[in-house]
Amino acid sequence: MNSQQRLLNTLRRQPVDRVPISTYELVGWNWDAWENQQPAYRKLMQLIREKTDCLYMCSFPARNRAERV
């Protein structure tokens, strides 16, 4: 099961192969981030890339439906 399937199944309350895990801001894909530049974090970041699910939070502007005229 890949990360996307795991997260969608979790949200749908369907079976998953393991609990989805996110390390929040510690993500392995952002090579410019300080934690990916530090040798002391190398093993941790490799583990994060291999064993966790990336949950990237984003937002977008939306109108408040309660404010409709």
Protein backbone atom coordinates (compact mmCIF):
# COMPACT_ATOMS: atom_id res chain seq x y z
CA MET A 1 0.00 0.00 0.00
CA ASN A 2 1.46 3.36 -0.93
CA SER A 3 1.19 6.54 1.09
CA GLN A 4 -1.73 7.95 -0.88
CA GLN A 5 -3.76 4.75 -0.59
CA ARG A 6 -2.97 4.54 3.12
CA LEU A 7 -4.10 8.10 3.82
CA LEU A 8 -7.27 7.82 1.74
CA ASN A 9 -8.21 4.52 3.35
CA THR A 10 -7.65 6.01 6.78
CA LEU A 11 -9.91 8.96 5.99
CA ARG A 12 -12.54 6.54 4.65
CA ARG A 13 -12.21 4.33 7.74
CA GLN A 14 -11.07 1.40 5.62
CA PRO A 15 -8.31 -1.09 6.49
CA VAL A 16 -4.68 -0.01 6.11
CA ASP A 17 -1.39 -1.89 6.25
CA ARG A 18 -0.09 0.35 9.05
CA VAL A 19 -0.93 3.57 10.83
CA PRO A 20 -0.09 6.64 8.70
CA ILE A 21 2.83 8.51 10.23
CA SER A 22 3.79 12.12 9.63
CA THR A 23 6.75 13.96 11.11
CA TYR A 24 5.02 17.25 10.33
CA GLU A 25 7.72 19.69 9.21
CA LEU A 26 10.55 17.16 8.98
CA VAL A 27 10.14 16.02 5.38
CA GLY A 28 12.67 14.16 3.32
CA TRP A 29 11.76 15.68 -0.02
CA ASN A 30 12.75 19.29 0.76
CA TRP A 31 16.49 19.17 0.11
CA ASP A 32 16.89 22.88 0.91
CA ALA A 33 15.52 22.51 4.45
CA TRP A 34 18.09 22.84 7.23
CA GLU A 35 17.45 19.34 8.58
CA ASN A 36 18.41 17.84 5.22
CA GLN A 37 21.67 19.81 5.25
CA GLN A 38 22.85 18.66 8.68
CA PRO A 39 25.04 15.54 8.82
CA ALA A 40 23.72 14.77 12.32
CA TYR A 41 20.21 14.40 10.86
CA ARG A 42 21.22 12.17 7.92
CA LYS A 43 20.03 8.85 9.42
CA LEU A 44 16.82 10.35 10.75
CA MET A 45 15.95 11.97 7.43
CA GLN A 46 16.65 8.75 5.55
CA LEU A 47 14.30 6.90 7.89
CA ILE A 48 11.65 9.60 7.38
CA ARG A 49 11.94 9.26 3.58
CA GLU A 50 11.59 5.48 3.77
CA LYS A 51 9.04 4.92 6.52
CA THR A 52 6.69 7.89 6.91
CA ASP A 53 3.81 9.45 5.00
CA CYS A 54 4.14 13.02 3.87
CA LEU A 55 1.19 15.09 5.03
CA TYR A 56 1.74 18.52 3.59
CA MET A 57 -0.62 21.15 4.93
CA CYS A 58 -1.78 23.92 2.66
CA SER A 59 -4.60 26.39 2.64
CA PHE A 60 -6.41 28.44 0.09
CA PRO A 61 -8.65 31.46 0.42
CA ALA A 62 -12.33 30.65 0.53
CA ARG A 63 -15.38 32.76 1.07
CA ASN A 64 -17.37 32.30 4.22
CA ARG A 65 -20.77 30.94 3.20
CA ALA A 66 -22.35 32.59 6.24
CA GLU A 67 -21.47 36.01 4.81
CA ARG A 68 -23.57 35.57 1.65
CA VAL A 69 -26.02 38.37 0.96
